[in-house]
Amino acid sequence: IKPQFRDYLLNDEALMRFRETIIEDIRVLNDDENTIRYLKSAIQEEWELQIEYKGKTMQIFPMCIVISRDEVRSYLCSLRRKNILCFELSHVHILKTIGKRSLPDREFYMEQIRKSWDVEIHDPVHVKILFNKTGADFEVGKQLKSYFGKGIKKTENQTLFEGDVVGINDFKRWLRRNMNSCYIIEPESVRKELIEGVLAKIERYERNGR
C-alpha cells in the first residue's frame, strides 16, 4: 500500500471489510485441499458455519462431503432448518465458524443422504424404470435394487423399479450410460429428453460422415 493511502485504507472499518472479503476467502476457499480439510474439521467437531453459495449467504450444519456417482463433482451435504441441502463444493465460500451445535438425530439425516441417488438441489422426481437384465452389466441391476428396493418382476428377465429420485440430473446421466438395459416409463418428459438426445447424436454422426 502506498504511504499516502495507508491511513485511509487501514481504518478499522476498512480492515474488517478486507478480512471478511479477502483474507478468509484466501485462507479457506481458494485452495481445494484447504477447503476440504476445513470442512472435515467442521463436520467432525460439529461446527455450524456461515457460507456464501452462488451469491446467497446462509447458515448451515455440515454433514458430509460426497462425490457424484460419475466421480466428476464433489458436494457438501448440509442441514439447514431441518432440510438437507447439497452444495457443489466449488461454489461454497466459507465465511466464518459460528460455533458448535450438537445434533441428536444426526444418523437419521445421514441415512437420508445415503439413500439419495445423487446430490443436486431440487425436489424429488417420481420415476418408473423397466430393467432388462439380458446382456446387462450386473452392477446396473445391483444399483437399481440398492436405491429402489427389490422391484416388481414382470417377466423372467424384466423387473420394474419405482420410487422418488433425489438428483434427477445425475440420474439422467446414469441412464444415458445404461440405456441398453434400462427403459424409463415415467416421467414421460425425461424419456422424451433421452430419446431426443440419442436422435441428435445419430444426426450428427450421419452429418459428419457425409
N, C-alpha and C. Protein backbone atom coordinates (compact mmCIF):
# COMPACT_ATOMS: atom_id res chain seq x y z
N ILE A 1 0.86 -1.19 0.00
CA ILE A 1 0.00 0.00 0.00
C ILE A 1 0.90 1.24 0.00
N LYS A 2 0.62 2.16 -0.90
CA LYS A 2 1.40 3.40 -0.96
C LYS A 2 1.15 4.22 0.31
N PRO A 3 2.20 4.90 0.83
CA PRO A 3 2.07 5.64 2.10
C PRO A 3 0.91 6.64 2.11
N GLN A 4 0.65 7.29 0.99
CA GLN A 4 -0.40 8.32 1.00
C GLN A 4 -1.80 7.72 1.16
N PHE A 5 -1.93 6.42 0.92
CA PHE A 5 -3.25 5.78 1.05
C PHE A 5 -3.39 4.99 2.35
N ARG A 6 -2.28 4.83 3.07
CA ARG A 6 -2.27 3.87 4.17
C ARG A 6 -3.27 4.23 5.27
N ASP A 7 -3.28 5.47 5.72
CA ASP A 7 -4.17 5.86 6.81
C ASP A 7 -5.63 5.66 6.44
N TYR A 8 -5.95 5.94 5.18
CA TYR A 8 -7.35 5.82 4.75
C TYR A 8 -7.78 4.35 4.68
N LEU A 9 -6.88 3.50 4.17
CA LEU A 9 -7.26 2.10 3.94
C LEU A 9 -7.26 1.26 5.20
N LEU A 10 -6.42 1.62 6.16
CA LEU A 10 -6.27 0.74 7.32
C LEU A 10 -7.05 1.22 8.54
N ASN A 11 -8.13 1.98 8.33
CA ASN A 11 -9.01 2.25 9.47
C ASN A 11 -9.76 0.96 9.81
N ASP A 12 -10.35 0.91 11.00
CA ASP A 12 -10.96 -0.34 11.49
C ASP A 12 -12.02 -0.89 10.55
N GLU A 13 -12.88 -0.02 10.04
CA GLU A 13 -13.99 -0.48 9.20
C GLU A 13 -13.46 -1.11 7.91
N ALA A 14 -12.50 -0.42 7.27
CA ALA A 14 -11.94 -0.96 6.03
C ALA A 14 -11.21 -2.26 6.28
N LEU A 15 -10.49 -2.35 7.39
CA LEU A 15 -9.75 -3.56 7.71
C LEU A 15 -10.69 -4.73 7.93
N MET A 16 -11.81 -4.50 8.59
CA MET A 16 -12.79 -5.57 8.80
C MET A 16 -13.36 -6.05 7.47
N ARG A 17 -13.65 -5.08 6.58
CA ARG A 17 -14.16 -5.49 5.27
C ARG A 17 -13.12 -6.31 4.53
N PHE A 18 -11.87 -5.90 4.64
CA PHE A 18 -10.77 -6.61 4.00
C PHE A 18 -10.68 -8.04 4.54
N ARG A 19 -10.75 -8.18 5.85
CA ARG A 19 -10.67 -9.51 6.46
C ARG A 19 -11.82 -10.40 5.99
N GLU A 20 -13.02 -9.86 5.97
CA GLU A 20 -14.19 -10.67 5.64
C GLU A 20 -14.22 -11.07 4.17
N THR A 21 -13.79 -10.17 3.31
CA THR A 21 -13.96 -10.45 1.88
C THR A 21 -12.73 -11.04 1.21
N ILE A 22 -11.55 -10.87 1.83
CA ILE A 22 -10.34 -11.35 1.15
C ILE A 22 -9.59 -12.38 1.98
N ILE A 23 -9.23 -12.03 3.19
CA ILE A 23 -8.35 -12.93 3.96
C ILE A 23 -9.01 -14.28 4.19
N GLU A 24 -10.27 -14.30 4.60
CA GLU A 24 -10.95 -15.56 4.87
C GLU A 24 -11.07 -16.38 3.59
N ASP A 25 -11.38 -15.71 2.48
CA ASP A 25 -11.53 -16.41 1.22
C ASP A 25 -10.21 -17.06 0.80
N ILE A 26 -9.11 -16.31 0.91
CA ILE A 26 -7.82 -16.85 0.52
C ILE A 26 -7.44 -18.03 1.40
N ARG A 27 -7.67 -17.90 2.69
CA ARG A 27 -7.26 -18.95 3.62
C ARG A 27 -8.05 -20.23 3.45
N VAL A 28 -9.34 -20.09 3.18
CA VAL A 28 -10.21 -21.26 3.23
C VAL A 28 -10.68 -21.71 1.85
N LEU A 29 -10.88 -20.78 0.94
CA LEU A 29 -11.63 -21.11 -0.26
C LEU A 29 -10.83 -21.38 -1.51
N ASN A 30 -9.74 -20.68 -1.69
CA ASN A 30 -9.08 -20.74 -2.98
C ASN A 30 -8.20 -21.96 -3.18
N ASP A 31 -7.99 -22.73 -2.17
CA ASP A 31 -7.20 -23.95 -2.25
C ASP A 31 -8.12 -25.11 -1.90
N ASP A 32 -8.34 -26.02 -2.85
CA ASP A 32 -9.29 -27.12 -2.64
C ASP A 32 -8.93 -27.97 -1.42
N GLU A 33 -7.64 -28.27 -1.25
CA GLU A 33 -7.23 -29.10 -0.12
C GLU A 33 -7.53 -28.41 1.21
N ASN A 34 -7.28 -27.11 1.27
CA ASN A 34 -7.58 -26.37 2.50
C ASN A 34 -9.08 -26.35 2.77
N THR A 35 -9.87 -26.18 1.72
CA THR A 35 -11.33 -26.17 1.88
C THR A 35 -11.81 -27.48 2.45
N ILE A 36 -11.36 -28.58 1.86
CA ILE A 36 -11.81 -29.90 2.30
C ILE A 36 -11.32 -30.18 3.72
N ARG A 37 -10.09 -29.80 4.02
CA ARG A 37 -9.56 -30.00 5.36
C ARG A 37 -10.37 -29.22 6.39
N TYR A 38 -10.71 -28.00 6.05
CA TYR A 38 -11.51 -27.15 6.95
C TYR A 38 -12.89 -27.76 7.16
N LEU A 39 -13.52 -28.21 6.09
CA LEU A 39 -14.86 -28.78 6.18
C LEU A 39 -14.86 -30.09 6.96
N LYS A 40 -13.83 -30.90 6.78
CA LYS A 40 -13.74 -32.15 7.54
C LYS A 40 -13.67 -31.86 9.04
N SER A 41 -12.90 -30.84 9.39
CA SER A 41 -12.83 -30.44 10.81
C SER A 41 -14.19 -29.97 11.30
N ALA A 42 -14.87 -29.19 10.48
CA ALA A 42 -16.19 -28.68 10.86
C ALA A 42 -17.19 -29.82 11.06
N ILE A 43 -17.11 -30.83 10.20
CA ILE A 43 -18.01 -31.99 10.31
C ILE A 43 -17.69 -32.78 11.58
N GLN A 44 -16.42 -33.06 11.79
CA GLN A 44 -16.02 -33.86 12.96
C GLN A 44 -16.28 -33.14 14.27
N GLU A 45 -16.03 -31.82 14.29
CA GLU A 45 -16.20 -31.06 15.52
C GLU A 45 -17.62 -30.53 15.72
N GLU A 46 -18.49 -30.77 14.70
CA GLU A 46 -19.90 -30.34 14.73
C GLU A 46 -20.01 -28.83 14.84
N TRP A 47 -19.34 -28.13 13.92
CA TRP A 47 -19.43 -26.68 13.87
C TRP A 47 -20.59 -26.27 12.98
N GLU A 48 -21.22 -25.19 13.33
CA GLU A 48 -22.17 -24.55 12.43
C GLU A 48 -21.41 -23.46 11.66
N LEU A 49 -21.67 -23.36 10.35
CA LEU A 49 -20.91 -22.44 9.50
C LEU A 49 -21.82 -21.42 8.85
N GLN A 50 -21.25 -20.27 8.56
CA GLN A 50 -21.90 -19.30 7.68
C GLN A 50 -21.18 -19.37 6.34
N ILE A 51 -21.94 -19.60 5.27
CA ILE A 51 -21.34 -19.73 3.96
C ILE A 51 -22.02 -18.79 2.97
N GLU A 52 -21.34 -18.59 1.86
CA GLU A 52 -21.97 -17.92 0.72
C GLU A 52 -22.00 -18.92 -0.43
N TYR A 53 -23.18 -19.12 -1.00
CA TYR A 53 -23.32 -20.08 -2.10
C TYR A 53 -24.04 -19.40 -3.26
N LYS A 54 -23.31 -19.21 -4.34
CA LYS A 54 -23.85 -18.56 -5.54
C LYS A 54 -24.51 -17.23 -5.20
N GLY A 55 -23.82 -16.44 -4.36
CA GLY A 55 -24.29 -15.10 -4.02
C GLY A 55 -25.25 -15.04 -2.85
N LYS A 56 -25.65 -16.17 -2.29
CA LYS A 56 -26.60 -16.18 -1.18
C LYS A 56 -25.90 -16.59 0.11
N THR A 57 -26.07 -15.79 1.16
CA THR A 57 -25.47 -16.08 2.46
C THR A 57 -26.44 -16.87 3.32
N MET A 58 -25.93 -17.92 3.99
CA MET A 58 -26.81 -18.76 4.82
C MET A 58 -25.99 -19.46 5.90
N GLN A 59 -26.67 -19.92 6.94
CA GLN A 59 -26.06 -20.70 7.99
C GLN A 59 -26.42 -22.17 7.79
N ILE A 60 -25.40 -23.03 7.90
CA ILE A 60 -25.61 -24.46 7.65
C ILE A 60 -24.92 -25.28 8.73
N PHE A 61 -25.35 -26.53 8.84
CA PHE A 61 -24.68 -27.51 9.69
C PHE A 61 -24.12 -28.59 8.76
N PRO A 62 -22.81 -28.60 8.49
CA PRO A 62 -22.25 -29.56 7.50
C PRO A 62 -22.36 -31.00 7.99
N MET A 63 -22.78 -31.90 7.10
CA MET A 63 -22.97 -33.30 7.46
C MET A 63 -21.88 -34.20 6.85
N CYS A 64 -21.61 -34.03 5.57
CA CYS A 64 -20.60 -34.87 4.91
C CYS A 64 -20.25 -34.30 3.55
N ILE A 65 -19.11 -34.74 3.02
CA ILE A 65 -18.71 -34.41 1.65
C ILE A 65 -18.93 -35.66 0.81
N VAL A 66 -19.61 -35.52 -0.32
CA VAL A 66 -19.89 -36.68 -1.17
C VAL A 66 -19.45 -36.38 -2.60
N ILE A 67 -19.27 -37.45 -3.36
CA ILE A 67 -18.87 -37.34 -4.76
C ILE A 67 -19.97 -37.95 -5.61
N SER A 68 -20.30 -37.30 -6.73
CA SER A 68 -21.35 -37.81 -7.61
C SER A 68 -20.95 -39.19 -8.15
N ARG A 69 -21.95 -39.95 -8.55
CA ARG A 69 -21.68 -41.32 -8.98
C ARG A 69 -20.75 -41.40 -10.19
N ASP A 70 -20.75 -40.35 -11.01
CA ASP A 70 -19.82 -40.34 -12.14
C ASP A 70 -18.44 -39.81 -11.73
N GLU A 71 -18.27 -39.52 -10.43
CA GLU A 71 -17.00 -39.09 -9.85
C GLU A 71 -16.47 -37.80 -10.47
N VAL A 72 -17.37 -36.96 -10.96
CA VAL A 72 -16.97 -35.70 -11.59
C VAL A 72 -17.07 -34.54 -10.61
N ARG A 73 -18.13 -34.51 -9.81
CA ARG A 73 -18.39 -33.36 -8.94
C ARG A 73 -18.36 -33.76 -7.46
N SER A 74 -17.95 -32.81 -6.62
CA SER A 74 -17.97 -33.01 -5.18
C SER A 74 -19.02 -32.07 -4.57
N TYR A 75 -19.69 -32.53 -3.53
CA TYR A 75 -20.75 -31.75 -2.90
C TYR A 75 -20.56 -31.73 -1.39
N LEU A 76 -21.04 -30.67 -0.77
CA LEU A 76 -21.14 -30.58 0.68
C LEU A 76 -22.61 -30.74 1.05
N CYS A 77 -22.92 -31.84 1.73
CA CYS A 77 -24.29 -32.07 2.20
C CYS A 77 -24.44 -31.46 3.58
N SER A 78 -25.47 -30.66 3.75
CA SER A 78 -25.63 -29.89 4.98
C SER A 78 -27.08 -29.88 5.42
N LEU A 79 -27.25 -29.53 6.69
CA LEU A 79 -28.59 -29.40 7.25
C LEU A 79 -28.87 -27.92 7.47
N ARG A 80 -30.05 -27.47 7.02
CA ARG A 80 -30.47 -26.08 7.24
C ARG A 80 -31.97 -26.07 7.50
N ARG A 81 -32.32 -25.64 8.71
CA ARG A 81 -33.73 -25.61 9.11
C ARG A 81 -34.41 -26.96 8.89
N LYS A 82 -33.73 -28.02 9.31
CA LYS A 82 -34.21 -29.40 9.24
C LYS A 82 -34.37 -29.92 7.82
N ASN A 83 -33.82 -29.21 6.84
CA ASN A 83 -33.82 -29.66 5.46
C ASN A 83 -32.40 -29.99 5.02
N ILE A 84 -32.25 -31.09 4.29
CA ILE A 84 -30.94 -31.45 3.76
C ILE A 84 -30.74 -30.73 2.44
N LEU A 85 -29.65 -29.97 2.35
CA LEU A 85 -29.28 -29.28 1.11
C LEU A 85 -27.88 -29.71 0.72
N CYS A 86 -27.64 -29.82 -0.57
CA CYS A 86 -26.33 -30.21 -1.05
C CYS A 86 -25.79 -29.13 -1.98
N PHE A 87 -24.58 -28.71 -1.70
CA PHE A 87 -23.98 -27.59 -2.44
C PHE A 87 -22.76 -28.09 -3.21
N GLU A 88 -22.68 -27.71 -4.48
CA GLU A 88 -21.50 -28.08 -5.25
C GLU A 88 -20.28 -27.39 -4.62
N LEU A 89 -19.29 -28.19 -4.29
CA LEU A 89 -18.20 -27.72 -3.44
C LEU A 89 -17.45 -26.53 -4.04
N SER A 90 -17.33 -26.51 -5.35
CA SER A 90 -16.56 -25.43 -5.99
C SER A 90 -17.22 -24.07 -5.83
N HIS A 91 -18.52 -24.03 -5.47
CA HIS A 91 -19.23 -22.76 -5.31
C HIS A 91 -19.44 -22.36 -3.84
N VAL A 92 -18.91 -23.17 -2.91
CA VAL A 92 -19.10 -22.90 -1.49
C VAL A 92 -18.01 -21.95 -1.00
N HIS A 93 -18.41 -20.81 -0.46
CA HIS A 93 -17.48 -19.86 0.15
C HIS A 93 -17.75 -19.85 1.66
N ILE A 94 -16.76 -20.29 2.44
CA ILE A 94 -16.92 -20.36 3.88
C ILE A 94 -16.60 -19.00 4.48
N LEU A 95 -17.58 -18.37 5.08
CA LEU A 95 -17.38 -17.03 5.62
C LEU A 95 -16.84 -17.07 7.04
N LYS A 96 -17.47 -17.89 7.91
CA LYS A 96 -16.96 -17.97 9.28
C LYS A 96 -17.57 -19.17 10.00
N THR A 97 -16.96 -19.54 11.11
CA THR A 97 -17.48 -20.58 12.00
C THR A 97 -18.32 -19.90 13.07
N ILE A 98 -19.55 -20.37 13.25
CA ILE A 98 -20.46 -19.75 14.21
C ILE A 98 -20.28 -20.36 15.60
N GLY A 99 -20.15 -21.68 15.67
CA GLY A 99 -19.99 -22.33 16.96
C GLY A 99 -20.42 -23.78 16.86
N LYS A 100 -20.31 -24.51 17.96
CA LYS A 100 -20.67 -25.93 17.96
C LYS A 100 -22.18 -26.09 18.09
N ARG A 101 -22.66 -27.16 17.48
CA ARG A 101 -24.09 -27.45 17.58
C ARG A 101 -24.29 -28.96 17.57
N SER A 102 -24.74 -29.50 18.69
CA SER A 102 -24.96 -30.94 18.79
C SER A 102 -26.24 -31.33 18.07
N LEU A 103 -26.21 -32.43 17.34
CA LEU A 103 -27.36 -32.88 16.56
C LEU A 103 -27.71 -34.31 16.97
N PRO A 104 -28.70 -34.50 17.87
CA PRO A 104 -29.03 -35.84 18.37
C PRO A 104 -29.48 -36.81 17.27
N ASP A 105 -30.19 -36.32 16.25
CA ASP A 105 -30.72 -37.20 15.21
C ASP A 105 -29.85 -37.17 13.95
N ARG A 106 -28.56 -37.02 14.14
CA ARG A 106 -27.61 -36.95 13.03
C ARG A 106 -27.71 -38.18 12.12
N GLU A 107 -27.79 -39.37 12.71
CA GLU A 107 -27.83 -40.60 11.91
C GLU A 107 -29.07 -40.67 11.02
N PHE A 108 -30.17 -40.11 11.50
CA PHE A 108 -31.40 -40.07 10.69
C PHE A 108 -31.15 -39.30 9.40
N TYR A 109 -30.51 -38.15 9.51
CA TYR A 109 -30.23 -37.34 8.33
C TYR A 109 -29.17 -37.98 7.45
N MET A 110 -28.18 -38.62 8.06
CA MET A 110 -27.15 -39.29 7.29
C MET A 110 -27.74 -40.43 6.47
N GLU A 111 -28.70 -41.12 7.03
CA GLU A 111 -29.35 -42.22 6.29
C GLU A 111 -30.12 -41.67 5.10
N GLN A 112 -30.76 -40.51 5.26
CA GLN A 112 -31.44 -39.89 4.13
C GLN A 112 -30.47 -39.54 3.01
N ILE A 113 -29.30 -39.06 3.39
CA ILE A 113 -28.28 -38.73 2.40
C ILE A 113 -27.80 -39.99 1.70
N ARG A 114 -27.59 -41.06 2.44
CA ARG A 114 -27.12 -42.32 1.85
C ARG A 114 -28.12 -42.87 0.83
N LYS A 115 -29.40 -42.63 1.08
CA LYS A 115 -30.43 -43.19 0.20
C LYS A 115 -30.68 -42.35 -1.05
N SER A 116 -30.13 -41.12 -1.07
CA SER A 116 -30.36 -40.28 -2.25
C SER A 116 -29.59 -40.82 -3.44
N TRP A 117 -30.18 -40.67 -4.63
CA TRP A 117 -29.49 -41.17 -5.83
C TRP A 117 -28.24 -40.36 -6.08
N ASP A 118 -28.40 -39.08 -6.01
CA ASP A 118 -27.27 -38.17 -6.13
C ASP A 118 -27.63 -36.88 -5.43
N VAL A 119 -26.90 -35.84 -5.64
CA VAL A 119 -26.93 -34.78 -4.66
C VAL A 119 -27.20 -33.39 -5.21
N GLU A 120 -27.83 -33.27 -6.35
CA GLU A 120 -28.12 -31.94 -6.84
C GLU A 120 -29.37 -31.39 -6.15
N ILE A 121 -29.49 -30.05 -6.13
CA ILE A 121 -30.54 -29.40 -5.35
C ILE A 121 -31.81 -29.26 -6.17
N HIS A 122 -32.86 -29.95 -5.82
CA HIS A 122 -34.18 -29.81 -6.43
C HIS A 122 -35.13 -30.75 -5.70
N ASP A 123 -36.40 -30.67 -6.04
CA ASP A 123 -37.39 -31.55 -5.42
C ASP A 123 -37.27 -32.97 -5.98
N PRO A 124 -37.65 -34.00 -5.18
CA PRO A 124 -37.61 -35.38 -5.70
C PRO A 124 -38.53 -35.55 -6.91
N VAL A 125 -38.15 -36.44 -7.80
CA VAL A 125 -38.94 -36.75 -9.01
C VAL A 125 -39.31 -38.22 -8.97
N HIS A 126 -40.60 -38.52 -9.17
CA HIS A 126 -41.06 -39.92 -9.15
C HIS A 126 -40.76 -40.57 -10.50
N VAL A 127 -40.12 -41.73 -10.48
CA VAL A 127 -39.74 -42.41 -11.72
C VAL A 127 -40.18 -43.88 -11.69
N LYS A 128 -40.39 -44.40 -12.91
CA LYS A 128 -40.59 -45.84 -13.11
C LYS A 128 -39.57 -46.30 -14.15
N ILE A 129 -38.80 -47.33 -13.81
CA ILE A 129 -37.75 -47.84 -14.69
C ILE A 129 -37.99 -49.33 -14.94
N LEU A 130 -37.99 -49.73 -16.22
CA LEU A 130 -38.06 -51.15 -16.57
C LEU A 130 -36.65 -51.62 -16.88
N PHE A 131 -36.19 -52.56 -16.08
CA PHE A 131 -34.82 -53.07 -16.23
C PHE A 131 -34.83 -54.42 -16.91
N ASN A 132 -34.04 -54.55 -17.98
CA ASN A 132 -33.90 -55.81 -18.71
C ASN A 132 -32.51 -56.36 -18.42
N LYS A 133 -32.45 -57.46 -17.68
CA LYS A 133 -31.15 -57.97 -17.25
C LYS A 133 -30.42 -58.75 -18.33
N THR A 134 -31.08 -59.04 -19.46
CA THR A 134 -30.42 -59.77 -20.54
C THR A 134 -29.29 -58.93 -21.11
N GLY A 135 -28.09 -59.41 -20.98
CA GLY A 135 -26.92 -58.72 -21.50
C GLY A 135 -26.52 -57.49 -20.71
N ALA A 136 -27.16 -57.23 -19.59
CA ALA A 136 -26.86 -56.03 -18.80
C ALA A 136 -25.69 -56.29 -17.86
N ASP A 137 -25.01 -55.23 -17.54
CA ASP A 137 -23.96 -55.28 -16.53
C ASP A 137 -24.61 -55.61 -15.18
N PHE A 138 -24.03 -56.57 -14.46
CA PHE A 138 -24.58 -56.98 -13.16
C PHE A 138 -24.70 -55.79 -12.21
N GLU A 139 -23.75 -54.86 -12.30
CA GLU A 139 -23.71 -53.71 -11.39
C GLU A 139 -24.92 -52.80 -11.59
N VAL A 140 -25.48 -52.74 -12.81
CA VAL A 140 -26.63 -51.88 -13.11
C VAL A 140 -27.85 -52.33 -12.29
N GLY A 141 -28.16 -53.60 -12.34
CA GLY A 141 -29.28 -54.12 -11.56
C GLY A 141 -29.05 -53.98 -10.07
N LYS A 142 -27.81 -54.15 -9.65
CA LYS A 142 -27.47 -54.03 -8.23
C LYS A 142 -27.71 -52.60 -7.74
N GLN A 143 -27.34 -51.60 -8.55
CA GLN A 143 -27.54 -50.20 -8.16
C GLN A 143 -29.02 -49.85 -8.09
N LEU A 144 -29.81 -50.34 -9.05
CA LEU A 144 -31.25 -50.08 -9.03
C LEU A 144 -31.90 -50.71 -7.79
N LYS A 145 -31.52 -51.92 -7.48
CA LYS A 145 -32.08 -52.61 -6.32
C LYS A 145 -31.67 -51.92 -5.03
N SER A 146 -30.44 -51.46 -4.97
CA SER A 146 -29.94 -50.78 -3.77
C SER A 146 -30.73 -49.49 -3.51
N TYR A 147 -31.09 -48.79 -4.59
CA TYR A 147 -31.76 -47.50 -4.41
C TYR A 147 -33.27 -47.64 -4.28
N PHE A 148 -33.89 -48.45 -5.15
CA PHE A 148 -35.36 -48.53 -5.18
C PHE A 148 -35.94 -49.68 -4.38
N GLY A 149 -35.10 -50.63 -3.95
CA GLY A 149 -35.64 -51.80 -3.29
C GLY A 149 -35.72 -52.97 -4.27
N LYS A 150 -36.46 -53.99 -3.90
CA LYS A 150 -36.48 -55.24 -4.65
C LYS A 150 -37.03 -55.09 -6.06
N GLY A 151 -38.06 -54.29 -6.27
CA GLY A 151 -38.67 -54.15 -7.59
C GLY A 151 -39.73 -55.22 -7.83
N ILE A 152 -40.50 -55.04 -8.90
CA ILE A 152 -41.58 -55.97 -9.25
C ILE A 152 -41.18 -56.73 -10.50
N LYS A 153 -41.14 -58.03 -10.41
CA LYS A 153 -40.73 -58.86 -11.54
C LYS A 153 -41.86 -58.95 -12.55
N LYS A 154 -41.61 -58.54 -13.80
CA LYS A 154 -42.62 -58.57 -14.85
C LYS A 154 -42.50 -59.83 -15.71
N THR A 155 -41.30 -60.15 -16.09
CA THR A 155 -41.02 -61.39 -16.83
C THR A 155 -39.76 -62.00 -16.23
N GLU A 156 -39.31 -63.07 -16.83
CA GLU A 156 -38.12 -63.73 -16.33
C GLU A 156 -36.91 -62.79 -16.33
N ASN A 157 -36.86 -61.91 -17.32
CA ASN A 157 -35.68 -61.04 -17.47
C ASN A 157 -35.95 -59.57 -17.19
N GLN A 158 -37.22 -59.21 -16.90
CA GLN A 158 -37.55 -57.79 -16.74
C GLN A 158 -38.11 -57.51 -15.34
N THR A 159 -37.62 -56.42 -14.74
CA THR A 159 -38.07 -56.01 -13.41
C THR A 159 -38.41 -54.52 -13.44
N LEU A 160 -39.54 -54.18 -12.82
CA LEU A 160 -39.96 -52.78 -12.74
C LEU A 160 -39.53 -52.19 -11.40
N PHE A 161 -38.80 -51.08 -11.47
CA PHE A 161 -38.38 -50.35 -10.28
C PHE A 161 -39.11 -49.01 -10.26
N GLU A 162 -39.57 -48.60 -9.06
CA GLU A 162 -40.34 -47.36 -8.95
C GLU A 162 -39.99 -46.67 -7.63
N GLY A 163 -39.91 -45.33 -7.69
CA GLY A 163 -39.65 -44.57 -6.47
C GLY A 163 -39.28 -43.13 -6.79
N ASP A 164 -38.98 -42.38 -5.74
CA ASP A 164 -38.59 -40.98 -5.90
C ASP A 164 -37.08 -40.87 -6.02
N VAL A 165 -36.64 -40.05 -6.97
CA VAL A 165 -35.22 -39.85 -7.21
C VAL A 165 -34.82 -38.45 -6.75
N VAL A 166 -33.83 -38.39 -5.88
CA VAL A 166 -33.23 -37.11 -5.49
C VAL A 166 -31.94 -36.99 -6.30
N GLY A 167 -31.89 -36.02 -7.20
CA GLY A 167 -30.72 -35.88 -8.07
C GLY A 167 -31.04 -36.32 -9.48
N ILE A 168 -32.13 -35.81 -10.06
CA ILE A 168 -32.60 -36.29 -11.35
C ILE A 168 -31.60 -36.03 -12.46
N ASN A 169 -30.83 -34.95 -12.40
CA ASN A 169 -29.86 -34.68 -13.46
C ASN A 169 -28.75 -35.72 -13.49
N ASP A 170 -28.25 -36.09 -12.31
CA ASP A 170 -27.24 -37.16 -12.25
C ASP A 170 -27.86 -38.50 -12.61
N PHE A 171 -29.12 -38.69 -12.25
CA PHE A 171 -29.80 -39.93 -12.61
C PHE A 171 -29.94 -40.06 -14.13
N LYS A 172 -30.23 -38.94 -14.79
CA LYS A 172 -30.32 -38.96 -16.26
C LYS A 172 -28.98 -39.29 -16.90
N ARG A 173 -27.90 -38.77 -16.32
CA ARG A 173 -26.57 -39.12 -16.83
C ARG A 173 -26.31 -40.61 -16.70
N TRP A 174 -26.74 -41.16 -15.56
CA TRP A 174 -26.59 -42.60 -15.34
C TRP A 174 -27.42 -43.38 -16.36
N LEU A 175 -28.64 -42.92 -16.60
CA LEU A 175 -29.50 -43.60 -17.57
C LEU A 175 -28.89 -43.60 -18.97
N ARG A 176 -28.30 -42.47 -19.38
CA ARG A 176 -27.70 -42.39 -20.71
C ARG A 176 -26.62 -43.45 -20.91
N ARG A 177 -25.92 -43.76 -19.83
CA ARG A 177 -24.87 -44.79 -19.94
C ARG A 177 -25.44 -46.20 -19.93
N ASN A 178 -26.70 -46.34 -19.52
CA ASN A 178 -27.27 -47.69 -19.36
C ASN A 178 -28.59 -47.86 -20.11
N MET A 179 -28.73 -47.15 -21.23
CA MET A 179 -29.99 -47.20 -21.97
C MET A 179 -30.20 -48.55 -22.65
N ASN A 180 -29.16 -49.35 -22.79
CA ASN A 180 -29.33 -50.67 -23.40
C ASN A 180 -30.08 -51.63 -22.48
N SER A 181 -30.11 -51.33 -21.17
CA SER A 181 -30.80 -52.25 -20.24
C SER A 181 -31.88 -51.57 -19.41
N CYS A 182 -31.98 -50.22 -19.47
CA CYS A 182 -32.95 -49.50 -18.64
C CYS A 182 -33.86 -48.66 -19.53
N TYR A 183 -35.17 -48.86 -19.38
CA TYR A 183 -36.16 -48.08 -20.13
C TYR A 183 -36.99 -47.28 -19.12
N ILE A 184 -36.98 -45.96 -19.25
CA ILE A 184 -37.72 -45.13 -18.31
C ILE A 184 -39.16 -44.96 -18.79
N ILE A 185 -40.10 -45.34 -17.95
CA ILE A 185 -41.54 -45.23 -18.27
C ILE A 185 -42.07 -43.88 -17.81
N GLU A 186 -41.73 -43.48 -16.60
CA GLU A 186 -42.13 -42.18 -16.05
C GLU A 186 -40.91 -41.53 -15.41
N PRO A 187 -40.84 -40.19 -15.49
CA PRO A 187 -41.76 -39.27 -16.19
C PRO A 187 -41.53 -39.27 -17.70
N GLU A 188 -42.59 -39.02 -18.42
CA GLU A 188 -42.53 -39.03 -19.88
C GLU A 188 -41.56 -37.98 -20.42
N SER A 189 -41.47 -36.84 -19.72
CA SER A 189 -40.60 -35.75 -20.18
C SER A 189 -39.13 -36.19 -20.20
N VAL A 190 -38.72 -37.00 -19.21
CA VAL A 190 -37.34 -37.49 -19.17
C VAL A 190 -37.11 -38.49 -20.30
N ARG A 191 -38.11 -39.37 -20.54
CA ARG A 191 -37.98 -40.34 -21.63
C ARG A 191 -37.80 -39.63 -22.97
N LYS A 192 -38.63 -38.61 -23.21
CA LYS A 192 -38.53 -37.85 -24.46
C LYS A 192 -37.17 -37.16 -24.58
N GLU A 193 -36.68 -36.61 -23.48
CA GLU A 193 -35.38 -35.93 -23.49
C GLU A 193 -34.27 -36.89 -23.87
N LEU A 194 -34.31 -38.13 -23.32
CA LEU A 194 -33.28 -39.11 -23.64
C LEU A 194 -33.35 -39.55 -25.09
N ILE A 195 -34.57 -39.74 -25.58
CA ILE A 195 -34.74 -40.15 -26.99
C ILE A 195 -34.24 -39.05 -27.93
N GLU A 196 -34.62 -37.81 -27.63
CA GLU A 196 -34.18 -36.69 -28.47
C GLU A 196 -32.66 -36.56 -28.47
N GLY A 197 -32.04 -36.85 -27.32
CA GLY A 197 -30.59 -36.80 -27.24
C GLY A 197 -29.93 -37.83 -28.13
N VAL A 198 -30.49 -39.05 -28.15
CA VAL A 198 -29.96 -40.12 -29.00
C VAL A 198 -30.13 -39.76 -30.47
N LEU A 199 -31.32 -39.26 -30.84
CA LEU A 199 -31.58 -38.89 -32.24
C LEU A 199 -30.64 -37.77 -32.70
N ALA A 200 -30.37 -36.82 -31.80
CA ALA A 200 -29.45 -35.73 -32.15
C ALA A 200 -28.04 -36.27 -32.39
N LYS A 201 -27.61 -37.25 -31.59
CA LYS A 201 -26.29 -37.86 -31.79
C LYS A 201 -26.22 -38.60 -33.12
N ILE A 202 -27.31 -39.33 -33.45
CA ILE A 202 -27.34 -40.05 -34.74
C ILE A 202 -27.25 -39.08 -35.90
N GLU A 203 -28.00 -37.98 -35.78
CA GLU A 203 -27.99 -36.97 -36.85
C GLU A 203 -26.59 -36.37 -37.02
N ARG A 204 -25.91 -36.05 -35.91
CA ARG A 204 -24.56 -35.51 -36.00
C ARG A 204 -23.60 -36.52 -36.60
N TYR A 205 -23.76 -37.78 -36.20
CA TYR A 205 -22.90 -38.85 -36.72
C TYR A 205 -23.06 -38.98 -38.22
N GLU A 206 -24.31 -38.99 -38.70
CA GLU A 206 -24.54 -39.12 -40.16
C GLU A 206 -24.04 -37.89 -40.91
N ARG A 207 -24.23 -36.70 -40.31
CA ARG A 207 -23.79 -35.47 -40.96
C ARG A 207 -22.27 -35.44 -41.08
N ASN A 208 -21.57 -35.92 -40.06
CA ASN A 208 -20.10 -35.93 -40.07
C ASN A 208 -19.55 -36.95 -41.07
N GLY A 209 -20.37 -37.94 -41.41
CA GLY A 209 -19.92 -38.99 -42.33
C GLY A 209 -20.09 -38.62 -43.79
N ARG A 210 -20.81 -37.52 -44.05
CA ARG A 210 -21.05 -37.11 -45.44
C ARG A 210 -19.84 -36.39 -46.00
